[in-house]
N, C-alpha and C. Protein backbone atom coordinates (compact mmCIF):
# COMPACT_ATOMS: atom_id res chain seq x y z
N MET A 1 45.74 29.23 -59.68
CA MET A 1 46.75 29.54 -58.68
C MET A 1 47.57 29.69 -59.65
N ASP A 2 48.86 31.13 -59.03
CA ASP A 2 49.83 31.81 -59.70
C ASP A 2 50.99 30.86 -59.54
N LYS A 3 51.21 31.08 -60.61
CA LYS A 3 52.52 30.32 -60.83
C LYS A 3 53.73 30.83 -60.55
N LYS A 4 54.88 29.77 -59.63
CA LYS A 4 55.37 30.38 -59.10
C LYS A 4 56.81 30.53 -60.53
N ILE A 5 57.81 31.84 -60.34
CA ILE A 5 58.73 31.85 -61.65
C ILE A 5 59.98 31.13 -60.69
N ILE A 6 60.51 30.09 -61.43
CA ILE A 6 61.74 29.41 -60.99
C ILE A 6 62.74 29.66 -61.64
N ASN A 7 64.09 30.18 -60.58
CA ASN A 7 65.02 30.61 -61.64
C ASN A 7 66.11 29.42 -60.95
N ILE A 8 66.43 28.64 -62.27
CA ILE A 8 67.12 26.93 -62.17
C ILE A 8 68.66 27.54 -61.66
N GLU A 9 69.24 28.47 -62.04
CA GLU A 9 70.48 28.81 -61.43
C GLU A 9 70.61 28.91 -59.82
N GLU A 10 69.40 29.78 -59.18
CA GLU A 10 69.03 29.71 -57.71
C GLU A 10 69.25 28.01 -57.41
N PHE A 11 68.31 27.69 -58.03
CA PHE A 11 68.00 26.28 -57.34
C PHE A 11 69.57 25.40 -57.42
N LYS A 12 70.50 25.61 -58.21
CA LYS A 12 71.43 24.77 -58.53
C LYS A 12 72.43 25.44 -57.28
N GLU A 13 72.53 26.84 -57.50
CA GLU A 13 73.22 27.37 -56.36
C GLU A 13 73.08 26.73 -54.54
N ARG A 14 71.77 27.00 -54.18
CA ARG A 14 71.29 25.78 -53.45
C ARG A 14 71.32 24.49 -53.50
N LEU A 15 71.30 23.91 -54.11
CA LEU A 15 71.07 22.11 -54.62
C LEU A 15 72.89 22.43 -53.95
N LEU A 16 73.76 22.81 -54.32
CA LEU A 16 75.51 22.96 -54.05
C LEU A 16 75.71 23.16 -52.54
N VAL A 17 75.32 23.69 -52.42
CA VAL A 17 75.34 24.32 -50.66
C VAL A 17 74.87 23.20 -49.87
N LEU A 18 73.30 22.23 -50.14
CA LEU A 18 72.98 21.78 -49.27
C LEU A 18 74.08 19.88 -49.61
N LEU A 19 74.70 19.85 -51.01
CA LEU A 19 75.54 18.57 -51.45
C LEU A 19 76.48 18.79 -50.41
N LYS A 20 77.46 19.85 -50.36
CA LYS A 20 78.82 20.27 -49.47
C LYS A 20 77.72 20.02 -48.03
N THR A 21 77.03 20.67 -47.39
CA THR A 21 76.93 20.45 -45.64
C THR A 21 76.45 19.38 -45.56
N GLU A 22 75.55 18.68 -46.30
CA GLU A 22 75.10 17.83 -45.86
C GLU A 22 75.24 16.30 -46.39
N ALA A 23 75.66 16.23 -47.64
CA ALA A 23 76.24 14.83 -48.38
C ALA A 23 77.39 14.64 -48.40
N PHE A 24 78.46 15.81 -48.30
CA PHE A 24 79.83 15.46 -48.43
C PHE A 24 80.86 15.25 -47.69
N ARG A 25 81.56 14.02 -47.38
CA ARG A 25 81.98 13.89 -46.16
C ARG A 25 83.46 13.39 -46.27
N LYS A 26 84.50 13.62 -45.82
CA LYS A 26 85.80 13.49 -45.91
C LYS A 26 86.56 12.66 -45.11
N GLY A 27 87.21 11.45 -45.12
CA GLY A 27 87.31 10.84 -43.87
C GLY A 27 88.04 9.36 -44.77
N ASN A 28 88.22 8.45 -44.84
CA ASN A 28 88.54 7.07 -45.16
C ASN A 28 87.21 6.12 -45.73
N PHE A 29 87.15 5.85 -46.73
CA PHE A 29 85.99 4.98 -47.02
C PHE A 29 85.98 4.18 -48.47
N VAL A 30 85.25 2.59 -48.19
CA VAL A 30 85.83 1.94 -48.85
C VAL A 30 84.07 2.22 -50.28
N LEU A 31 84.32 2.12 -51.37
CA LEU A 31 83.06 2.37 -52.19
C LEU A 31 82.56 1.11 -52.61
N SER A 32 81.34 0.72 -53.30
CA SER A 32 81.07 0.14 -53.61
C SER A 32 81.76 -0.79 -54.69
N SER A 33 82.69 -0.55 -55.40
CA SER A 33 83.56 -1.10 -56.21
C SER A 33 84.50 -1.82 -55.19
N GLY A 34 84.68 -1.48 -54.42
CA GLY A 34 85.77 -1.83 -53.23
C GLY A 34 87.03 -1.28 -53.19
N LYS A 35 87.09 0.14 -54.14
CA LYS A 35 88.04 1.05 -53.97
C LYS A 35 87.96 1.90 -53.07
N THR A 36 88.89 2.54 -52.29
CA THR A 36 88.89 3.30 -51.03
C THR A 36 89.00 4.87 -51.50
N SER A 37 88.86 5.75 -50.66
CA SER A 37 88.47 7.07 -51.41
C SER A 37 88.67 7.39 -49.77
N ASN A 38 89.14 9.01 -49.85
CA ASN A 38 89.18 9.92 -48.97
C ASN A 38 87.74 10.76 -48.95
N PHE A 39 87.12 10.70 -49.47
CA PHE A 39 86.03 11.25 -49.47
C PHE A 39 84.52 10.53 -49.88
N TYR A 40 83.62 11.06 -49.25
CA TYR A 40 81.75 9.79 -49.61
C TYR A 40 80.75 11.36 -49.94
N LEU A 41 80.34 10.89 -50.79
CA LEU A 41 78.95 11.59 -51.10
C LEU A 41 77.91 10.73 -51.35
N ASP A 42 76.85 10.90 -50.21
CA ASP A 42 75.98 10.22 -49.96
C ASP A 42 74.55 10.90 -50.35
N GLY A 43 74.68 10.71 -51.22
CA GLY A 43 73.45 11.64 -52.06
C GLY A 43 71.88 10.65 -51.32
N ARG A 44 71.62 10.00 -51.36
CA ARG A 44 70.59 10.05 -50.37
C ARG A 44 70.14 10.81 -49.15
N VAL A 45 71.23 11.19 -48.47
CA VAL A 45 71.12 11.92 -47.58
C VAL A 45 70.21 13.27 -47.50
N LEU A 46 70.57 13.95 -49.06
CA LEU A 46 69.77 14.92 -49.74
C LEU A 46 68.76 14.51 -50.33
N THR A 47 68.77 13.39 -51.18
CA THR A 47 67.31 13.29 -51.63
C THR A 47 66.57 12.80 -51.26
N LEU A 48 66.56 12.70 -50.02
CA LEU A 48 65.71 12.11 -48.90
C LEU A 48 65.13 12.61 -48.02
N THR A 49 65.68 14.33 -48.59
CA THR A 49 64.84 15.47 -47.99
C THR A 49 63.82 16.46 -48.79
N PRO A 50 63.05 16.98 -48.24
CA PRO A 50 62.06 17.49 -48.88
C PRO A 50 62.32 18.39 -49.63
N GLU A 51 63.58 19.42 -49.40
CA GLU A 51 64.18 20.48 -50.16
C GLU A 51 65.27 19.64 -51.33
N GLY A 52 65.84 18.94 -50.99
CA GLY A 52 66.81 18.55 -51.61
C GLY A 52 66.44 17.48 -52.80
N VAL A 53 65.06 16.93 -52.63
CA VAL A 53 64.92 16.13 -53.88
C VAL A 53 63.85 17.41 -55.04
N TYR A 54 63.37 17.90 -54.07
CA TYR A 54 62.78 19.48 -54.73
C TYR A 54 63.47 19.46 -55.73
N LEU A 55 64.33 20.43 -55.41
CA LEU A 55 65.60 20.98 -56.14
C LEU A 55 66.33 19.89 -56.91
N ALA A 56 66.62 18.66 -56.70
CA ALA A 56 67.38 18.11 -57.69
C ALA A 56 66.05 17.57 -58.65
N ALA A 57 65.35 17.27 -58.53
CA ALA A 57 64.16 16.65 -59.53
C ALA A 57 64.02 17.99 -60.58
N TYR A 58 63.57 19.18 -59.70
CA TYR A 58 63.35 20.07 -61.13
C TYR A 58 64.20 20.69 -61.76
N ILE A 59 65.64 20.43 -61.18
CA ILE A 59 67.02 20.82 -62.03
C ILE A 59 67.13 19.63 -63.31
N ILE A 60 66.31 18.72 -62.45
CA ILE A 60 67.03 17.82 -63.90
C ILE A 60 65.56 17.69 -64.82
N LEU A 61 64.31 17.92 -64.33
CA LEU A 61 63.39 18.20 -65.58
C LEU A 61 63.53 19.28 -66.20
N ASP A 62 64.05 20.32 -65.62
CA ASP A 62 64.53 21.41 -66.42
C ASP A 62 65.48 21.18 -68.08
N MET A 63 66.37 20.40 -67.31
CA MET A 63 67.44 19.98 -68.27
C MET A 63 67.15 18.60 -69.37
N VAL A 64 65.99 17.93 -68.91
CA VAL A 64 65.11 17.25 -69.94
C VAL A 64 63.81 17.34 -70.75
N LYS A 65 63.10 18.66 -70.30
CA LYS A 65 62.05 19.29 -70.52
C LYS A 65 61.89 19.13 -72.04
N ASP A 66 62.25 19.63 -72.83
CA ASP A 66 62.44 19.81 -74.39
C ASP A 66 63.04 18.57 -75.24
N LYS A 67 63.57 17.52 -74.62
CA LYS A 67 63.92 16.40 -75.14
C LYS A 67 63.04 15.52 -76.35
N GLY A 68 61.89 15.77 -75.99
CA GLY A 68 61.05 14.78 -76.58
C GLY A 68 61.09 13.07 -76.37
N ILE A 69 61.43 13.31 -74.82
CA ILE A 69 61.31 11.64 -74.24
C ILE A 69 60.08 11.34 -74.03
N HIS A 70 59.92 9.82 -73.69
CA HIS A 70 58.67 9.22 -73.51
C HIS A 70 59.33 8.86 -71.50
N ALA A 71 60.31 8.86 -71.05
CA ALA A 71 60.10 8.76 -69.84
C ALA A 71 61.53 9.15 -68.94
N ILE A 72 61.53 8.89 -67.82
CA ILE A 72 62.77 9.29 -67.13
C ILE A 72 62.69 8.27 -66.17
N GLY A 73 64.12 7.49 -65.69
CA GLY A 73 64.00 6.72 -64.36
C GLY A 73 65.35 6.35 -64.23
N GLY A 74 65.54 5.24 -63.23
CA GLY A 74 67.48 4.99 -63.61
C GLY A 74 67.43 4.03 -62.44
N PRO A 75 68.59 3.60 -61.87
CA PRO A 75 68.52 2.32 -61.28
C PRO A 75 68.66 2.36 -59.76
N THR A 76 67.80 1.64 -59.25
CA THR A 76 67.69 1.53 -57.75
C THR A 76 68.69 1.43 -56.91
N LEU A 77 69.12 2.48 -55.82
CA LEU A 77 68.54 3.23 -55.05
C LEU A 77 68.48 4.68 -54.96
N GLY A 78 69.65 5.02 -55.83
CA GLY A 78 70.00 6.27 -56.21
C GLY A 78 68.79 6.86 -57.20
N ALA A 79 68.49 6.40 -57.78
CA ALA A 79 67.66 7.26 -58.81
C ALA A 79 65.91 7.63 -57.96
N ASP A 80 65.36 6.16 -57.14
CA ASP A 80 64.29 6.28 -56.68
C ASP A 80 63.79 7.49 -56.27
N PRO A 81 64.20 8.10 -55.40
CA PRO A 81 63.39 9.12 -54.81
C PRO A 81 63.41 10.68 -55.66
N ILE A 82 64.68 10.51 -56.61
CA ILE A 82 64.71 11.47 -57.31
C ILE A 82 63.31 11.38 -58.58
N VAL A 83 63.47 10.27 -58.80
CA VAL A 83 62.18 9.63 -60.13
C VAL A 83 60.81 10.29 -59.78
N GLY A 84 60.47 9.64 -58.41
CA GLY A 84 59.18 9.93 -57.82
C GLY A 84 59.06 11.30 -57.57
N ALA A 85 59.97 12.09 -57.44
CA ALA A 85 59.87 13.70 -57.20
C ALA A 85 59.61 14.46 -58.68
N ILE A 86 60.50 13.63 -59.67
CA ILE A 86 60.46 14.11 -61.08
C ILE A 86 59.09 13.71 -61.96
N GLY A 87 58.35 13.01 -61.55
CA GLY A 87 56.78 12.11 -61.51
C GLY A 87 56.06 13.36 -61.33
N ALA A 88 55.97 13.69 -59.97
CA ALA A 88 55.07 14.65 -59.35
C ALA A 88 55.38 15.95 -60.12
N ILE A 89 56.33 16.55 -60.01
CA ILE A 89 56.78 17.37 -60.57
C ILE A 89 56.41 17.69 -62.08
N SER A 90 56.65 17.15 -62.66
CA SER A 90 56.31 17.08 -63.82
C SER A 90 54.41 16.52 -64.44
N HIS A 91 53.86 16.24 -63.44
CA HIS A 91 52.62 16.61 -63.51
C HIS A 91 52.02 18.06 -63.61
N ILE A 92 52.69 18.32 -62.11
CA ILE A 92 52.34 19.95 -61.41
C ILE A 92 52.30 20.93 -62.92
N GLU A 93 53.99 20.82 -63.58
CA GLU A 93 54.15 21.16 -64.45
C GLU A 93 53.47 21.12 -65.88
N ASN A 94 52.55 20.12 -66.22
CA ASN A 94 51.81 19.98 -67.42
C ASN A 94 53.31 19.66 -68.38
N ILE A 95 54.09 18.82 -67.83
CA ILE A 95 55.10 18.12 -69.21
C ILE A 95 54.86 16.99 -68.53
N PRO A 96 54.18 16.17 -68.45
CA PRO A 96 53.82 14.70 -67.78
C PRO A 96 54.84 13.91 -68.46
N LEU A 97 55.48 12.92 -67.23
CA LEU A 97 56.61 11.99 -67.95
C LEU A 97 56.66 10.66 -67.15
N LYS A 98 56.56 9.59 -68.06
CA LYS A 98 56.40 8.51 -67.14
C LYS A 98 57.74 7.80 -66.46
N THR A 99 57.47 7.65 -65.20
CA THR A 99 59.23 7.22 -64.40
C THR A 99 59.11 5.50 -64.43
N PHE A 100 60.45 5.53 -64.08
CA PHE A 100 60.48 3.88 -63.98
C PHE A 100 61.94 3.66 -63.24
N ILE A 101 61.81 2.63 -62.68
CA ILE A 101 62.87 1.97 -61.97
C ILE A 101 63.85 0.80 -62.25
N VAL A 102 64.79 0.72 -62.33
CA VAL A 102 65.60 -0.53 -62.99
C VAL A 102 66.29 -1.31 -61.72
N ARG A 103 65.97 -2.71 -61.28
CA ARG A 103 65.92 -3.18 -60.72
C ARG A 103 67.59 -3.88 -60.91
N LYS A 104 68.22 -3.94 -59.81
CA LYS A 104 69.92 -5.18 -60.55
C LYS A 104 69.47 -6.48 -61.03
N HIS A 105 68.37 -6.94 -60.78
CA HIS A 105 68.06 -8.43 -61.20
C HIS A 105 66.21 -8.29 -61.47
N ALA A 106 65.62 -9.14 -62.40
CA ALA A 106 64.54 -9.10 -62.20
C ALA A 106 63.56 -9.80 -61.02
N LYS A 107 62.61 -9.85 -60.11
CA LYS A 107 61.95 -10.00 -59.36
C LYS A 107 61.77 -11.39 -59.63
N GLY A 108 61.62 -12.50 -58.79
CA GLY A 108 61.81 -13.81 -58.68
C GLY A 108 60.18 -13.94 -58.43
N HIS A 109 59.10 -13.18 -58.45
CA HIS A 109 57.56 -13.07 -57.99
C HIS A 109 57.06 -12.18 -58.73
N GLY A 110 55.62 -12.52 -58.88
CA GLY A 110 54.69 -11.64 -59.48
C GLY A 110 55.06 -11.55 -60.52
N MET A 111 55.32 -10.33 -61.37
CA MET A 111 55.25 -9.89 -63.07
C MET A 111 56.74 -10.21 -62.86
N GLN A 112 57.47 -10.34 -62.23
CA GLN A 112 59.06 -11.00 -62.09
C GLN A 112 60.01 -9.93 -63.14
N LYS A 113 59.60 -8.41 -63.34
CA LYS A 113 59.95 -7.46 -64.11
C LYS A 113 61.34 -7.18 -63.36
N GLN A 114 62.43 -6.58 -64.35
CA GLN A 114 63.40 -5.84 -63.93
C GLN A 114 63.28 -4.46 -64.33
N ILE A 115 62.44 -4.11 -64.97
CA ILE A 115 62.23 -2.41 -65.19
C ILE A 115 60.95 -2.16 -64.49
N GLU A 116 60.86 -1.50 -63.26
CA GLU A 116 59.27 -1.23 -62.75
C GLU A 116 58.81 0.20 -63.21
N GLY A 117 57.85 0.21 -63.28
CA GLY A 117 56.79 1.56 -63.38
C GLY A 117 55.75 1.55 -65.12
N PRO A 118 55.36 1.95 -65.09
CA PRO A 118 54.49 1.84 -66.77
C PRO A 118 55.05 1.23 -67.71
N GLU A 119 54.25 0.42 -68.55
CA GLU A 119 55.37 -0.22 -69.26
C GLU A 119 56.09 0.60 -70.54
N LEU A 120 57.12 0.35 -70.87
CA LEU A 120 57.86 1.52 -72.04
C LEU A 120 58.05 0.57 -73.00
N VAL A 121 57.28 1.04 -74.01
CA VAL A 121 57.14 0.52 -75.24
C VAL A 121 58.55 0.44 -76.32
N ARG A 122 58.65 -0.78 -77.12
CA ARG A 122 59.71 -0.63 -77.73
C ARG A 122 59.92 0.36 -78.51
N GLY A 123 61.24 0.89 -78.42
CA GLY A 123 61.42 2.14 -79.59
C GLY A 123 61.26 3.39 -78.38
N SER A 124 60.76 3.64 -77.04
CA SER A 124 60.60 4.12 -76.55
C SER A 124 62.05 5.42 -76.08
N ARG A 125 61.95 6.27 -76.24
CA ARG A 125 63.02 7.33 -76.32
C ARG A 125 63.25 7.59 -74.20
N VAL A 126 64.23 7.79 -73.60
CA VAL A 126 64.51 7.60 -72.08
C VAL A 126 65.51 8.56 -71.70
N VAL A 127 65.52 9.34 -70.78
CA VAL A 127 66.85 9.44 -69.89
C VAL A 127 66.76 8.75 -68.89
N ILE A 128 68.22 8.67 -68.36
CA ILE A 128 68.61 7.46 -67.10
C ILE A 128 69.23 8.35 -66.35
N ILE A 129 68.70 8.81 -64.84
CA ILE A 129 69.34 9.07 -63.73
C ILE A 129 69.90 8.40 -62.53
N ASP A 130 70.84 9.43 -61.85
CA ASP A 130 71.44 8.63 -60.30
C ASP A 130 71.74 9.94 -59.97
N ASP A 131 72.05 9.34 -58.43
CA ASP A 131 72.53 10.50 -57.41
C ASP A 131 73.79 11.06 -57.41
N VAL A 132 74.39 9.96 -57.62
CA VAL A 132 76.12 10.11 -58.18
C VAL A 132 76.75 9.12 -58.92
N ALA A 133 77.89 9.27 -59.95
CA ALA A 133 78.26 8.32 -60.65
C ALA A 133 79.96 8.51 -60.41
N THR A 134 80.18 6.98 -60.38
CA THR A 134 81.82 6.99 -60.07
C THR A 134 82.20 6.18 -61.33
N SER A 135 82.28 5.52 -61.58
CA SER A 135 82.52 4.30 -62.75
C SER A 135 81.62 4.48 -63.61
N GLY A 136 79.98 4.75 -63.68
CA GLY A 136 79.13 4.28 -64.39
C GLY A 136 78.30 2.69 -64.12
N LYS A 137 79.01 2.54 -63.61
CA LYS A 137 78.49 0.81 -63.21
C LYS A 137 77.10 0.23 -63.13
N SER A 138 76.42 1.34 -62.22
CA SER A 138 74.99 1.22 -61.95
C SER A 138 74.27 1.59 -63.17
N LEU A 139 74.53 3.09 -64.23
CA LEU A 139 73.93 3.60 -65.08
C LEU A 139 74.14 2.19 -66.32
N LEU A 140 74.94 1.89 -66.24
CA LEU A 140 75.35 0.66 -67.43
C LEU A 140 74.51 -0.65 -67.39
N GLU A 141 74.52 -0.74 -65.98
CA GLU A 141 73.98 -2.02 -66.06
C GLU A 141 72.28 -1.89 -66.10
N ALA A 142 71.77 -0.38 -66.13
CA ALA A 142 70.47 0.12 -66.17
C ALA A 142 70.17 -0.08 -68.05
N LYS A 143 71.11 0.52 -68.44
CA LYS A 143 71.18 0.51 -69.83
C LYS A 143 71.25 -0.76 -70.50
N GLU A 144 72.00 -1.84 -69.84
CA GLU A 144 71.66 -3.00 -70.22
C GLU A 144 69.99 -4.10 -70.66
N ALA A 145 69.83 -3.45 -69.09
CA ALA A 145 67.98 -4.03 -68.81
C ALA A 145 67.26 -3.18 -69.91
N LEU A 146 67.50 -1.96 -70.15
CA LEU A 146 66.49 -0.90 -71.19
C LEU A 146 66.72 -1.29 -72.61
N ASP A 147 68.42 -1.69 -72.77
CA ASP A 147 68.56 -1.65 -74.38
C ASP A 147 68.11 -3.68 -74.31
N ASN A 148 67.73 -4.67 -73.49
CA ASN A 148 66.87 -5.98 -73.71
C ASN A 148 65.63 -5.18 -73.94
N ALA A 149 65.03 -4.31 -73.08
CA ALA A 149 63.95 -3.71 -73.42
C ALA A 149 63.36 -3.06 -75.08
N GLY A 150 64.07 -2.82 -75.70
CA GLY A 150 64.10 -2.41 -76.76
C GLY A 150 63.94 -0.79 -76.87
N VAL A 151 64.04 0.24 -75.42
CA VAL A 151 64.12 1.11 -75.25
C VAL A 151 65.71 2.04 -75.68
N SER A 152 65.40 3.08 -76.05
CA SER A 152 66.80 4.17 -76.37
C SER A 152 67.08 4.95 -75.53
N ILE A 153 67.97 5.02 -75.10
CA ILE A 153 68.57 5.67 -74.01
C ILE A 153 68.93 7.31 -74.68
N GLU A 154 68.33 8.47 -74.36
CA GLU A 154 69.04 9.61 -74.80
C GLU A 154 70.02 10.26 -74.26
N GLU A 155 70.11 9.84 -72.69
CA GLU A 155 71.12 10.43 -72.29
C GLU A 155 71.01 10.16 -70.77
N ALA A 156 72.29 10.05 -70.06
CA ALA A 156 72.23 9.70 -68.54
C ALA A 156 72.69 11.07 -67.61
N ILE A 157 72.18 10.95 -66.59
CA ILE A 157 72.10 12.42 -66.28
C ILE A 157 72.42 12.40 -64.56
N VAL A 158 73.37 12.98 -63.86
CA VAL A 158 73.53 12.30 -62.21
C VAL A 158 73.30 13.92 -62.00
N LEU A 159 73.98 13.88 -60.34
CA LEU A 159 73.74 15.24 -59.55
C LEU A 159 75.21 15.37 -59.37
N VAL A 160 76.21 14.30 -58.94
CA VAL A 160 77.24 14.56 -58.80
C VAL A 160 78.15 12.95 -59.97
N ASP A 161 79.30 13.89 -60.53
CA ASP A 161 80.14 12.99 -61.45
C ASP A 161 81.50 13.17 -60.15
N ARG A 162 81.53 11.67 -59.95
CA ARG A 162 83.05 11.92 -59.24
C ARG A 162 84.38 12.09 -59.99
N GLN A 163 84.08 11.56 -61.19
CA GLN A 163 85.09 11.95 -62.43
C GLN A 163 85.94 10.98 -62.35
N GLU A 164 85.42 9.24 -62.02
CA GLU A 164 86.80 8.17 -62.01
C GLU A 164 86.28 7.54 -62.96
N GLY A 165 85.77 7.89 -64.11
CA GLY A 165 85.40 7.34 -65.39
C GLY A 165 84.06 6.71 -66.00
N ALA A 166 82.88 7.34 -64.99
CA ALA A 166 81.72 7.18 -65.42
C ALA A 166 81.45 7.78 -67.00
N GLN A 167 82.23 8.84 -67.10
CA GLN A 167 81.82 9.93 -68.67
C GLN A 167 82.63 8.80 -69.71
N GLN A 168 83.77 8.73 -69.32
CA GLN A 168 84.20 7.54 -70.33
C GLN A 168 83.39 6.26 -70.49
N ASN A 169 83.15 5.82 -69.68
CA ASN A 169 82.53 4.61 -69.60
C ASN A 169 81.32 4.35 -70.63
N LEU A 170 80.40 5.49 -70.03
CA LEU A 170 79.15 5.76 -70.75
C LEU A 170 79.40 6.22 -72.26
N SER A 171 80.20 7.00 -72.33
CA SER A 171 80.44 7.31 -73.78
C SER A 171 80.99 6.20 -74.91
N GLN A 172 82.01 5.03 -73.90
CA GLN A 172 82.11 4.10 -74.77
C GLN A 172 80.94 3.33 -75.32
N ALA A 173 79.89 3.05 -74.66
CA ALA A 173 78.83 2.22 -74.49
C ALA A 173 77.52 3.25 -75.29
N GLY A 174 77.90 4.22 -75.54
CA GLY A 174 77.36 5.40 -76.50
C GLY A 174 76.41 5.92 -76.20
N VAL A 175 76.44 6.43 -74.87
CA VAL A 175 75.59 7.05 -73.70
C VAL A 175 75.83 8.57 -73.76
N ARG A 176 75.41 9.66 -74.09
CA ARG A 176 75.49 10.97 -73.37
C ARG A 176 75.68 11.29 -72.02
N PHE A 177 76.39 11.58 -71.27
CA PHE A 177 76.19 11.61 -70.34
C PHE A 177 76.63 12.88 -69.53
N ARG A 178 76.24 13.58 -68.87
CA ARG A 178 76.22 14.96 -67.94
C ARG A 178 75.49 14.80 -66.64
N SER A 179 76.13 15.97 -65.90
CA SER A 179 76.02 15.98 -64.58
C SER A 179 75.81 17.18 -64.34
N ILE A 180 75.12 17.64 -63.05
CA ILE A 180 74.76 19.17 -62.48
C ILE A 180 76.10 19.48 -62.07
N PHE A 181 76.73 18.48 -61.04
CA PHE A 181 78.02 19.13 -60.53
C PHE A 181 79.19 18.03 -60.27
N THR A 182 80.65 18.32 -60.56
CA THR A 182 81.40 17.22 -60.42
C THR A 182 82.14 17.81 -59.25
N ILE A 183 83.06 16.10 -58.48
CA ILE A 183 83.41 16.22 -57.72
C ILE A 183 84.18 17.74 -57.08
N GLN A 184 84.48 18.05 -58.23
CA GLN A 184 85.66 19.35 -57.75
C GLN A 184 84.43 20.85 -57.30
N ASP A 185 83.35 20.52 -57.68
CA ASP A 185 82.50 21.74 -57.27
C ASP A 185 82.09 21.28 -55.59
N LEU A 186 82.59 20.54 -55.41
CA LEU A 186 82.11 20.14 -53.82
C LEU A 186 83.06 20.19 -53.14
N ASP A 187 84.18 20.08 -53.42
CA ASP A 187 85.57 20.12 -52.92
C ASP A 187 86.46 21.60 -52.91
N LYS A 188 85.57 22.46 -52.55
CA LYS A 188 85.94 23.69 -53.00
C LYS A 188 85.71 24.40 -51.58
């Protein structure tokens, strides 16, 4: 099979168009934090489409492929579709990465796990991802679960940073934070 040449900058441009047209809405919204906002970014509208999740996953895989990490994952529900796509694309591209999902709380049945997926060995180096970050709360909750498992977080990556504290909060927790876009990129 011929290998297709991937242009990450073109992927980013297309992802930005999709974010602006499909996921970004103006109006009056109540966020999960209880704060009100005059805009809302519904990442799942994008990451649950074939093109949107493909673009997001490919861009993130490109960002982490040379980091020497063992796995990539993030908090449910924002990271779920992206993580699945990264796993598939990493296999196709022969850069296989284990993937995982972090639940808010451990299950009360079965294996009673909070971190789902192939077992992460103590000392594993991982990247955590999410679709959107506001304060970074869900990423910090995932970090806590991973810390308890003895896993080292190399960085956190999101599709869009709303620029409402995530960068600062994650930095204070010792986690490097990057976003593909900021809210200013979408509100142009």
